[in-house]
PDB file of N, CA and C in Angstrom:
ATOM      1  N   MET A   1     142.974  54.458 111.539  1.00  0.00           N
ATOM      2  CA  MET A   1     143.069  55.255 112.747  1.00  0.00           C
ATOM      3  C   MET A   1     141.719  55.900 113.034  1.00  0.00           C
ATOM      4  N   ALA A   2     141.385  56.011 114.292  1.00  0.00           N
ATOM      5  CA  ALA A   2     140.118  56.613 114.697  1.00  0.00           C
ATOM      6  C   ALA A   2     140.108  58.098 114.348  1.00  0.00           C
ATOM      7  N   SER A   3     138.960  58.558 113.888  1.00  0.00           N
ATOM      8  CA  SER A   3     138.848  59.982 113.586  1.00  0.00           C
ATOM      9  C   SER A   3     138.731  60.759 114.894  1.00  0.00           C
ATOM     10  N   ARG A   4     138.999  62.047 114.802  1.00  0.00           N
ATOM     11  CA  ARG A   4     138.920  62.907 115.989  1.00  0.00           C
ATOM     12  C   ARG A   4     137.520  62.835 116.603  1.00  0.00           C
ATOM     13  N   SER A   5     136.487  62.824 115.757  1.00  0.00           N
ATOM     14  CA  SER A   5     135.124  62.795 116.286  1.00  0.00           C
ATOM     15  C   SER A   5     134.845  61.502 117.044  1.00  0.00           C
ATOM     16  N   GLN A   6     135.403  60.381 116.581  1.00  0.00           N
ATOM     17  CA  GLN A   6     135.222  59.121 117.300  1.00  0.00           C
ATOM     18  C   GLN A   6     135.939  59.162 118.647  1.00  0.00           C
ATOM     19  N   MET A   7     137.124  59.745 118.658  1.00  0.00           N
ATOM     20  CA  MET A   7     137.877  59.835 119.908  1.00  0.00           C
ATOM     21  C   MET A   7     137.160  60.736 120.916  1.00  0.00           C
ATOM     22  N   LEU A   8     136.539  61.784 120.420  1.00  0.00           N
ATOM     23  CA  LEU A   8     135.884  62.745 121.303  1.00  0.00           C
ATOM     24  C   LEU A   8     134.551  62.256 121.853  1.00  0.00           C
ATOM     25  N   LYS A   9     133.923  61.319 121.165  1.00  0.00           N
ATOM     26  CA  LYS A   9     132.567  60.906 121.525  1.00  0.00           C
ATOM     27  C   LYS A   9     132.435  60.569 123.011  1.00  0.00           C
ATOM     28  N   GLY A  10     133.247  59.677 123.509  1.00  0.00           N
ATOM     29  CA  GLY A  10     133.180  59.303 124.918  1.00  0.00           C
ATOM     30  C   GLY A  10     133.692  60.385 125.841  1.00  0.00           C
ATOM     31  N   LEU A  11     134.700  61.107 125.389  1.00  0.00           N
ATOM     32  CA  LEU A  11     135.259  62.178 126.216  1.00  0.00           C
ATOM     33  C   LEU A  11     134.248  63.292 126.436  1.00  0.00           C
ATOM     34  N   LEU A  12     133.467  63.598 125.422  1.00  0.00           N
ATOM     35  CA  LEU A  12     132.479  64.667 125.555  1.00  0.00           C
ATOM     36  C   LEU A  12     131.443  64.348 126.618  1.00  0.00           C
ATOM     37  N   GLU A  13     131.037  63.085 126.722  1.00  0.00           N
ATOM     38  CA  GLU A  13     130.068  62.725 127.758  1.00  0.00           C
ATOM     39  C   GLU A  13     130.596  63.116 129.130  1.00  0.00           C
ATOM     40  N   GLY A  14     131.836  62.739 129.417  1.00  0.00           N
ATOM     41  CA  GLY A  14     132.424  63.065 130.714  1.00  0.00           C
ATOM     42  C   GLY A  14     132.595  64.554 130.913  1.00  0.00           C
ATOM     43  N   CYS A  15     133.048  65.252 129.885  1.00  0.00           N
ATOM     44  CA  CYS A  15     133.256  66.703 129.993  1.00  0.00           C
ATOM     45  C   CYS A  15     131.934  67.440 130.193  1.00  0.00           C
ATOM     46  N   ILE A  16     130.909  67.025 129.470  1.00  0.00           N
ATOM     47  CA  ILE A  16     129.599  67.665 129.611  1.00  0.00           C
ATOM     48  C   ILE A  16     129.009  67.377 130.985  1.00  0.00           C
ATOM     49  N   LEU A  17     129.154  66.156 131.469  1.00  0.00           N
ATOM     50  CA  LEU A  17     128.671  65.851 132.819  1.00  0.00           C
ATOM     51  C   LEU A  17     129.380  66.711 133.859  1.00  0.00           C
ATOM     52  N   GLU A  18     130.675  66.912 133.690  1.00  0.00           N
ATOM     53  CA  GLU A  18     131.421  67.759 134.626  1.00  0.00           C
ATOM     54  C   GLU A  18     130.857  69.176 134.631  1.00  0.00           C
ATOM     55  N   ILE A  19     130.588  69.720 133.462  1.00  0.00           N
ATOM     56  CA  ILE A  19     130.026  71.070 133.375  1.00  0.00           C
ATOM     57  C   ILE A  19     128.670  71.131 134.069  1.00  0.00           C
ATOM     58  N   ILE A  20     127.812  70.156 133.795  1.00  0.00           N
ATOM     59  CA  ILE A  20     126.471  70.141 134.382  1.00  0.00           C
ATOM     60  C   ILE A  20     126.536  69.921 135.891  1.00  0.00           C
ATOM     61  N   SER A  21     127.553  69.217 136.364  1.00  0.00           N
ATOM     62  CA  SER A  21     127.658  68.938 137.808  1.00  0.00           C
ATOM     63  C   SER A  21     127.847  70.208 138.634  1.00  0.00           C
ATOM     64  N   HIS A  22     128.222  71.309 137.993  1.00  0.00           N
ATOM     65  CA  HIS A  22     128.428  72.573 138.710  1.00  0.00           C
ATOM     66  C   HIS A  22     127.143  73.382 138.839  1.00  0.00           C
ATOM     67  N   GLY A  23     126.053  72.899 138.282  1.00  0.00           N
ATOM     68  CA  GLY A  23     124.775  73.590 138.398  1.00  0.00           C
ATOM     69  C   GLY A  23     124.002  73.568 137.098  1.00  0.00           C
ATOM     70  N   GLU A  24     122.722  73.926 137.190  1.00  0.00           N
ATOM     71  CA  GLU A  24     121.864  73.889 136.005  1.00  0.00           C
ATOM     72  C   GLU A  24     122.474  74.702 134.874  1.00  0.00           C
ATOM     73  N   THR A  25     122.317  74.190 133.677  1.00  0.00           N
ATOM     74  CA  THR A  25     122.864  74.867 132.506  1.00  0.00           C
ATOM     75  C   THR A  25     122.109  74.401 131.270  1.00  0.00           C
ATOM     76  N   TYR A  26     122.256  75.111 130.187  1.00  0.00           N
ATOM     77  CA  TYR A  26     121.549  74.781 128.946  1.00  0.00           C
ATOM     78  C   TYR A  26     122.557  74.586 127.813  1.00  0.00           C
ATOM     79  N   GLY A  27     122.084  74.055 126.701  1.00  0.00           N
ATOM     80  CA  GLY A  27     122.956  73.626 125.614  1.00  0.00           C
ATOM     81  C   GLY A  27     123.938  74.661 125.112  1.00  0.00           C
ATOM     82  N   TYR A  28     123.464  75.873 124.850  1.00  0.00           N
ATOM     83  CA  TYR A  28     124.358  76.910 124.330  1.00  0.00           C
ATOM     84  C   TYR A  28     125.450  77.234 125.341  1.00  0.00           C
ATOM     85  N   GLU A  29     125.071  77.308 126.600  1.00  0.00           N
ATOM     86  CA  GLU A  29     126.038  77.606 127.665  1.00  0.00           C
ATOM     87  C   GLU A  29     127.083  76.486 127.777  1.00  0.00           C
ATOM     88  N   ILE A  30     126.648  75.247 127.647  1.00  0.00           N
ATOM     89  CA  ILE A  30     127.565  74.104 127.673  1.00  0.00           C
ATOM     90  C   ILE A  30     128.533  74.194 126.494  1.00  0.00           C
ATOM     91  N   THR A  31     128.005  74.498 125.316  1.00  0.00           N
ATOM     92  CA  THR A  31     128.842  74.622 124.119  1.00  0.00           C
ATOM     93  C   THR A  31     129.879  75.723 124.292  1.00  0.00           C
ATOM     94  N   GLU A  32     129.464  76.862 124.816  1.00  0.00           N
ATOM     95  CA  GLU A  32     130.389  77.975 125.043  1.00  0.00           C
ATOM     96  C   GLU A  32     131.475  77.588 126.043  1.00  0.00           C
ATOM     97  N   ASN A  33     131.097  76.874 127.090  1.00  0.00           N
ATOM     98  CA  ASN A  33     132.064  76.416 128.096  1.00  0.00           C
ATOM     99  C   ASN A  33     133.086  75.481 127.452  1.00  0.00           C
ATOM    100  N   LEU A  34     132.618  74.550 126.634  1.00  0.00           N
ATOM    101  CA  LEU A  34     133.520  73.624 125.939  1.00  0.00           C
ATOM    102  C   LEU A  34     134.447  74.380 124.989  1.00  0.00           C
ATOM    103  N   ASN A  35     133.905  75.354 124.272  1.00  0.00           N
ATOM    104  CA  ASN A  35     134.722  76.162 123.349  1.00  0.00           C
ATOM    105  C   ASN A  35     135.813  76.909 124.101  1.00  0.00           C
ATOM    106  N   ARG A  36     135.471  77.543 125.224  1.00  0.00           N
ATOM    107  CA  ARG A  36     136.462  78.268 126.030  1.00  0.00           C
ATOM    108  C   ARG A  36     137.536  77.335 126.581  1.00  0.00           C
ATOM    109  N   SER A  37     137.165  76.082 126.802  1.00  0.00           N
ATOM    110  CA  SER A  37     138.103  75.113 127.374  1.00  0.00           C
ATOM    111  C   SER A  37     139.022  74.487 126.330  1.00  0.00           C
ATOM    112  N   GLY A  38     138.785  74.774 125.050  1.00  0.00           N
ATOM    113  CA  GLY A  38     139.676  74.254 124.018  1.00  0.00           C
ATOM    114  C   GLY A  38     139.010  73.443 122.923  1.00  0.00           C
ATOM    115  N   PHE A  39     137.745  73.102 123.084  1.00  0.00           N
ATOM    116  CA  PHE A  39     137.007  72.388 122.036  1.00  0.00           C
ATOM    117  C   PHE A  39     136.427  73.425 121.072  1.00  0.00           C
ATOM    118  N   ALA A  40     137.305  74.139 120.392  1.00  0.00           N
ATOM    119  CA  ALA A  40     136.915  75.303 119.597  1.00  0.00           C
ATOM    120  C   ALA A  40     136.018  74.981 118.408  1.00  0.00           C
ATOM    121  N   ASP A  41     136.061  73.765 117.902  1.00  0.00           N
ATOM    122  CA  ASP A  41     135.281  73.448 116.705  1.00  0.00           C
ATOM    123  C   ASP A  41     133.928  72.814 117.004  1.00  0.00           C
ATOM    124  N   LEU A  42     133.532  72.773 118.265  1.00  0.00           N
ATOM    125  CA  LEU A  42     132.240  72.190 118.625  1.00  0.00           C
ATOM    126  C   LEU A  42     131.137  73.225 118.486  1.00  0.00           C
ATOM    127  N   ASN A  43     129.950  72.746 118.120  1.00  0.00           N
ATOM    128  CA  ASN A  43     128.782  73.612 118.081  1.00  0.00           C
ATOM    129  C   ASN A  43     127.630  72.893 118.762  1.00  0.00           C
ATOM    130  N   GLU A  44     126.501  73.590 118.886  1.00  0.00           N
ATOM    131  CA  GLU A  44     125.356  72.989 119.566  1.00  0.00           C
ATOM    132  C   GLU A  44     124.881  71.722 118.870  1.00  0.00           C
ATOM    133  N   GLY A  45     125.068  71.643 117.557  1.00  0.00           N
ATOM    134  CA  GLY A  45     124.683  70.450 116.815  1.00  0.00           C
ATOM    135  C   GLY A  45     125.477  69.219 117.213  1.00  0.00           C
ATOM    136  N   SER A  46     126.654  69.426 117.788  1.00  0.00           N
ATOM    137  CA  SER A  46     127.469  68.318 118.299  1.00  0.00           C
ATOM    138  C   SER A  46     127.122  68.002 119.744  1.00  0.00           C
ATOM    139  N   VAL A  47     126.714  69.012 120.490  1.00  0.00           N
ATOM    140  CA  VAL A  47     126.474  68.855 121.926  1.00  0.00           C
ATOM    141  C   VAL A  47     125.103  68.244 122.209  1.00  0.00           C
ATOM    142  N   TYR A  48     124.071  68.656 121.478  1.00  0.00           N
ATOM    143  CA  TYR A  48     122.725  68.164 121.782  1.00  0.00           C
ATOM    144  C   TYR A  48     122.564  66.652 121.649  1.00  0.00           C
ATOM    145  N   PRO A  49     123.155  65.992 120.645  1.00  0.00           N
ATOM    146  CA  PRO A  49     123.052  64.523 120.619  1.00  0.00           C
ATOM    147  C   PRO A  49     123.672  63.874 121.860  1.00  0.00           C
ATOM    148  N   VAL A  50     124.744  64.456 122.378  1.00  0.00           N
ATOM    149  CA  VAL A  50     125.365  63.927 123.602  1.00  0.00           C
ATOM    150  C   VAL A  50     124.414  64.137 124.775  1.00  0.00           C
ATOM    151  N   LEU A  51     123.789  65.300 124.865  1.00  0.00           N
ATOM    152  CA  LEU A  51     122.835  65.571 125.948  1.00  0.00           C
ATOM    153  C   LEU A  51     121.662  64.599 125.896  1.00  0.00           C
ATOM    154  N   ILE A  52     121.166  64.314 124.709  1.00  0.00           N
ATOM    155  CA  ILE A  52     120.066  63.357 124.557  1.00  0.00           C
ATOM    156  C   ILE A  52     120.518  61.966 124.987  1.00  0.00           C
ATOM    157  N   ARG A  53     121.730  61.573 124.586  1.00  0.00           N
ATOM    158  CA  ARG A  53     122.270  60.271 124.983  1.00  0.00           C
ATOM    159  C   ARG A  53     122.395  60.189 126.504  1.00  0.00           C
ATOM    160  N   LEU A  54     122.898  61.252 127.131  1.00  0.00           N
ATOM    161  CA  LEU A  54     123.038  61.276 128.591  1.00  0.00           C
ATOM    162  C   LEU A  54     121.671  61.191 129.266  1.00  0.00           C
ATOM    163  N   GLN A  55     120.696  61.861 128.684  1.00  0.00           N
ATOM    164  CA  GLN A  55     119.347  61.824 129.243  1.00  0.00           C
ATOM    165  C   GLN A  55     118.744  60.427 129.093  1.00  0.00           C
ATOM    166  N   ASN A  56     118.962  59.787 127.961  1.00  0.00           N
ATOM    167  CA  ASN A  56     118.448  58.428 127.741  1.00  0.00           C
ATOM    168  C   ASN A  56     119.074  57.417 128.692  1.00  0.00           C
ATOM    169  N   LYS A  57     120.292  57.697 129.148  1.00  0.00           N
ATOM    170  CA  LYS A  57     120.980  56.832 130.113  1.00  0.00           C
ATOM    171  C   LYS A  57     120.650  57.213 131.554  1.00  0.00           C
ATOM    172  N   ASP A  58     119.756  58.182 131.740  1.00  0.00           N
ATOM    173  CA  ASP A  58     119.371  58.685 133.070  1.00  0.00           C
ATOM    174  C   ASP A  58     120.539  59.303 133.831  1.00  0.00           C
ATOM    175  N   LEU A  59     121.504  59.855 133.113  1.00  0.00           N
ATOM    176  CA  LEU A  59     122.642  60.514 133.755  1.00  0.00           C
ATOM    177  C   LEU A  59     122.363  61.995 133.972  1.00  0.00           C
ATOM    178  N   VAL A  60     121.435  62.544 133.189  1.00  0.00           N
ATOM    179  CA  VAL A  60     120.977  63.919 133.372  1.00  0.00           C
ATOM    180  C   VAL A  60     119.464  63.959 133.199  1.00  0.00           C
ATOM    181  N   THR A  61     118.859  64.990 133.753  1.00  0.00           N
ATOM    182  CA  THR A  61     117.448  65.279 133.520  1.00  0.00           C
ATOM    183  C   THR A  61     117.383  66.692 132.959  1.00  0.00           C
ATOM    184  N   SER A  62     116.219  67.059 132.478  1.00  0.00           N
ATOM    185  CA  SER A  62     116.081  68.413 131.946  1.00  0.00           C
ATOM    186  C   SER A  62     114.731  68.989 132.328  1.00  0.00           C
ATOM    187  N   LYS A  63     114.680  70.310 132.270  1.00  0.00           N
ATOM    188  CA  LYS A  63     113.447  71.021 132.584  1.00  0.00           C
ATOM    189  C   LYS A  63     113.417  72.287 131.738  1.00  0.00           C
ATOM    190  N   SER A  64     112.297  72.541 131.110  1.00  0.00           N
ATOM    191  CA  SER A  64     112.136  73.753 130.313  1.00  0.00           C
ATOM    192  C   SER A  64     111.754  74.897 131.247  1.00  0.00           C
ATOM    193  N   LYS A  65     112.489  76.006 131.124  1.00  0.00           N
ATOM    194  CA  LYS A  65     112.243  77.155 132.001  1.00  0.00           C
ATOM    195  C   LYS A  65     112.235  78.442 131.191  1.00  0.00           C
ATOM    196  N   GLU A  66     111.547  79.432 131.725  1.00  0.00           N
ATOM    197  CA  GLU A  66     111.544  80.760 131.111  1.00  0.00           C
ATOM    198  C   GLU A  66     112.952  81.329 131.141  1.00  0.00           C
ATOM    199  N   SER A  67     113.278  82.095 130.127  1.00  0.00           N
ATOM    200  CA  SER A  67     114.562  82.779 130.068  1.00  0.00           C
ATOM    201  C   SER A  67     114.313  84.279 130.083  1.00  0.00           C
ATOM    202  N   PRO A  68     115.074  85.009 130.876  1.00  0.00           N
ATOM    203  CA  PRO A  68     114.894  86.465 130.887  1.00  0.00           C
ATOM    204  C   PRO A  68     115.352  87.113 129.573  1.00  0.00           C
ATOM    205  N   LEU A  69     116.059  86.352 128.750  1.00  0.00           N
ATOM    206  CA  LEU A  69     116.620  86.903 127.514  1.00  0.00           C
ATOM    207  C   LEU A  69     115.884  86.470 126.250  1.00  0.00           C
ATOM    208  N   GLY A  70     114.751  85.794 126.389  1.00  0.00           N
ATOM    209  CA  GLY A  70     114.046  85.359 125.186  1.00  0.00           C
ATOM    210  C   GLY A  70     113.215  84.120 125.416  1.00  0.00           C
ATOM    211  N   PRO A  71     113.241  83.197 124.438  1.00  0.00           N
ATOM    212  CA  PRO A  71     112.396  81.998 124.526  1.00  0.00           C
ATOM    213  C   PRO A  71     112.819  81.065 125.662  1.00  0.00           C
ATOM    214  N   ARG A  72     111.927  80.134 125.976  1.00  0.00           N
ATOM    215  CA  ARG A  72     112.211  79.144 127.020  1.00  0.00           C
ATOM    216  C   ARG A  72     113.486  78.384 126.671  1.00  0.00           C
ATOM    217  N   ARG A  73     114.170  77.945 127.712  1.00  0.00           N
ATOM    218  CA  ARG A  73     115.391  77.155 127.527  1.00  0.00           C
ATOM    219  C   ARG A  73     115.231  75.819 128.234  1.00  0.00           C
ATOM    220  N   LYS A  74     115.909  74.823 127.695  1.00  0.00           N
ATOM    221  CA  LYS A  74     115.922  73.499 128.309  1.00  0.00           C
ATOM    222  C   LYS A  74     117.176  73.427 129.176  1.00  0.00           C
ATOM    223  N   TYR A  75     116.974  73.410 130.487  1.00  0.00           N
ATOM    224  CA  TYR A  75     118.083  73.345 131.437  1.00  0.00           C
ATOM    225  C   TYR A  75     118.345  71.893 131.814  1.00  0.00           C
ATOM    226  N   PHE A  76     119.612  71.561 131.956  1.00  0.00           N
ATOM    227  CA  PHE A  76     120.023  70.199 132.283  1.00  0.00           C
ATOM    228  C   PHE A  76     120.586  70.135 133.691  1.00  0.00           C
ATOM    229  N   TYR A  77     120.311  69.012 134.355  1.00  0.00           N
ATOM    230  CA  TYR A  77     120.739  68.758 135.726  1.00  0.00           C
ATOM    231  C   TYR A  77     121.337  67.360 135.782  1.00  0.00           C
ATOM    232  N   ILE A  78     122.393  67.189 136.557  1.00  0.00           N
ATOM    233  CA  ILE A  78     122.991  65.862 136.694  1.00  0.00           C
ATOM    234  C   ILE A  78     122.212  65.062 137.740  1.00  0.00           C
ATOM    235  N   THR A  79     122.050  63.772 137.507  1.00  0.00           N
ATOM    236  CA  THR A  79     121.367  62.883 138.451  1.00  0.00           C
ATOM    237  C   THR A  79     122.399  62.208 139.360  1.00  0.00           C
ATOM    238  N   ASP A  80     121.920  61.514 140.376  1.00  0.00           N
ATOM    239  CA  ASP A  80     122.836  60.746 141.232  1.00  0.00           C
ATOM    240  C   ASP A  80     123.581  59.699 140.405  1.00  0.00           C
ATOM    241  N   LYS A  81     122.869  59.068 139.488  1.00  0.00           N
ATOM    242  CA  LYS A  81     123.508  58.095 138.599  1.00  0.00           C
ATOM    243  C   LYS A  81     124.576  58.787 137.753  1.00  0.00           C
ATOM    244  N   GLY A  82     124.297  60.000 137.308  1.00  0.00           N
ATOM    245  CA  GLY A  82     125.258  60.777 136.535  1.00  0.00           C
ATOM    246  C   GLY A  82     126.494  61.123 137.343  1.00  0.00           C
ATOM    247  N   LEU A  83     126.305  61.445 138.623  1.00  0.00           N
ATOM    248  CA  LEU A  83     127.451  61.743 139.492  1.00  0.00           C
ATOM    249  C   LEU A  83     128.338  60.514 139.653  1.00  0.00           C
ATOM    250  N   GLY A  84     127.714  59.341 139.790  1.00  0.00           N
ATOM    251  CA  GLY A  84     128.484  58.099 139.885  1.00  0.00           C
ATOM    252  C   GLY A  84     129.249  57.814 138.599  1.00  0.00           C
ATOM    253  N   PHE A  85     128.586  58.035 137.467  1.00  0.00           N
ATOM    254  CA  PHE A  85     129.229  57.842 136.167  1.00  0.00           C
ATOM    255  C   PHE A  85     130.400  58.805 136.014  1.00  0.00           C
ATOM    256  N   LEU A  86     130.204  60.057 136.422  1.00  0.00           N
ATOM    257  CA  LEU A  86     131.258  61.068 136.320  1.00  0.00           C
ATOM    258  C   LEU A  86     132.454  60.693 137.180  1.00  0.00           C
ATOM    259  N   ASP A  87     132.205  60.193 138.366  1.00  0.00           N
ATOM    260  CA  ASP A  87     133.297  59.765 139.245  1.00  0.00           C
ATOM    261  C   ASP A  87     134.100  58.641 138.586  1.00  0.00           C
ATOM    262  N   SER A  88     133.408  57.671 138.008  1.00  0.00           N
ATOM    263  CA  SER A  88     134.082  56.569 137.304  1.00  0.00           C
ATOM    264  C   SER A  88     134.850  57.086 136.095  1.00  0.00           C
ATOM    265  N   PHE A  89     134.248  58.005 135.355  1.00  0.00           N
ATOM    266  CA  PHE A  89     134.899  58.593 134.185  1.00  0.00           C
ATOM    267  C   PHE A  89     136.213  59.252 134.585  1.00  0.00           C
ATOM    268  N   LYS A  90     136.187  60.017 135.664  1.00  0.00           N
ATOM    269  CA  LYS A  90     137.400  60.723 136.112  1.00  0.00           C
ATOM    270  C   LYS A  90     138.508  59.737 136.484  1.00  0.00           C
ATOM    271  N   ARG A  91     138.153  58.674 137.198  1.00  0.00           N
ATOM    272  CA  ARG A  91     139.151  57.662 137.578  1.00  0.00           C
ATOM    273  C   ARG A  91     139.738  56.994 136.339  1.00  0.00           C
ATOM    274  N   GLU A  92     138.865  56.590 135.425  1.00  0.00           N
ATOM    275  CA  GLU A  92     139.328  55.920 134.207  1.00  0.00           C
ATOM    276  C   GLU A  92     140.175  56.860 133.354  1.00  0.00           C
ATOM    277  N   TRP A  93     139.784  58.129 133.251  1.00  0.00           N
ATOM    278  CA  TRP A  93     140.547  59.090 132.465  1.00  0.00           C
ATOM    279  C   TRP A  93     141.946  59.273 133.042  1.00  0.00           C
ATOM    280  N   GLN A  94     142.059  59.375 134.352  1.00  0.00           N
ATOM    281  CA  GLN A  94     143.372  59.528 134.980  1.00  0.00           C
ATOM    282  C   GLN A  94     144.273  58.349 134.635  1.00  0.00           C
ATOM    283  N   GLU A  95     143.711  57.156 134.709  1.00  0.00           N
ATOM    284  CA  GLU A  95     144.490  55.954 134.412  1.00  0.00           C
ATOM    285  C   GLU A  95     144.899  55.906 132.937  1.00  0.00           C
ATOM    286  N   ILE A  96     143.934  56.079 132.049  1.00  0.00           N
ATOM    287  CA  ILE A  96     144.211  55.983 130.612  1.00  0.00           C
ATOM    288  C   ILE A  96     145.137  57.096 130.147  1.00  0.00           C
ATOM    289  N   SER A  97     144.876  58.320 130.565  1.00  0.00           N
ATOM    290  CA  SER A  97     145.707  59.438 130.098  1.00  0.00           C
ATOM    291  C   SER A  97     147.134  59.303 130.599  1.00  0.00           C
ATOM    292  N   GLY A  98     147.301  58.770 131.804  1.00  0.00           N
ATOM    293  CA  GLY A  98     148.647  58.548 132.329  1.00  0.00           C
ATOM    294  C   GLY A  98     149.415  57.527 131.510  1.00  0.00           C
ATOM    295  N   VAL A  99     148.759  56.444 131.143  1.00  0.00           N
ATOM    296  CA  VAL A  99     149.391  55.396 130.341  1.00  0.00           C
ATOM    297  C   VAL A  99     149.759  55.931 128.958  1.00  0.00           C
ATOM    298  N   VAL A 100     148.831  56.619 128.310  1.00  0.00           N
ATOM    299  CA  VAL A 100     149.087  57.156 126.969  1.00  0.00           C
ATOM    300  C   VAL A 100     150.228  58.167 127.010  1.00  0.00           C
ATOM    301  N   THR A 101     150.230  59.040 127.999  1.00  0.00           N
ATOM    302  CA  THR A 101     151.303  60.034 128.127  1.00  0.00           C
ATOM    303  C   THR A 101     152.653  59.354 128.298  1.00  0.00           C
ATOM    304  N   THR A 102     152.712  58.330 129.122  1.00  0.00           N
ATOM    305  CA  THR A 102     153.959  57.596 129.330  1.00  0.00           C
ATOM    306  C   THR A 102     154.459  56.994 128.022  1.00  0.00           C
ATOM    307  N   ILE A 103     153.570  56.363 127.284  1.00  0.00           N
ATOM    308  CA  ILE A 103     153.959  55.734 126.020  1.00  0.00           C
ATOM    309  C   ILE A 103     154.405  56.779 125.004  1.00  0.00           C
ATOM    310  N   LEU A 104     153.659  57.868 124.881  1.00  0.00           N
ATOM    311  CA  LEU A 104     153.998  58.897 123.897  1.00  0.00           C
ATOM    312  C   LEU A 104     155.302  59.615 124.217  1.00  0.00           C
ATOM    313  N   LYS A 105     155.696  59.603 125.473  1.00  0.00           N
ATOM    314  CA  LYS A 105     156.970  60.220 125.856  1.00  0.00           C
ATOM    315  C   LYS A 105     158.133  59.241 125.715  1.00  0.00           C
ATOM    316  N   GLY A 106     157.845  58.048 125.200  1.00  0.00           N
ATOM    317  CA  GLY A 106     158.904  57.079 124.952  1.00  0.00           C
ATOM    318  C   GLY A 106     159.151  56.111 126.087  1.00  0.00           C
ATOM    319  N   GLY A 107     158.394  56.214 127.132  1.00  0.00           N
ATOM    320  CA  GLY A 107     158.553  55.281 128.247  1.00  0.00           C
ATOM    321  C   GLY A 107     157.733  54.038 128.013  1.00  0.00           C
ATOM    322  N   ALA A 108     158.020  53.005 128.712  1.00  0.00           N
ATOM    323  CA  ALA A 108     157.223  51.777 128.687  1.00  0.00           C
ATOM    324  C   ALA A 108     158.072  50.610 129.093  1.00  0.00           C
TER     325      ALA A 108
END
């Protein structure tokens, strides 16, 4: 059986893109948003590899900016390609989650 981390790998990409699609944000803020949403065991060490992967796929870009609260922060922005990927992710998630829910409820 797939481990929880394997199952989350693809889901995190879509969830992180959704968060970034609402405006510029940085890693710690993304992690906090995910934690508040129910991914309580995630930390920045789990989120940054996903951000790097998204950046390597040209789905997000980043820019280092001054922070009023301390050192510079790396802010992430979604690209047009990222918006297209996010739209596809949402459609696929609706389809897959609906099928899985139906099966788990005993239907089929």
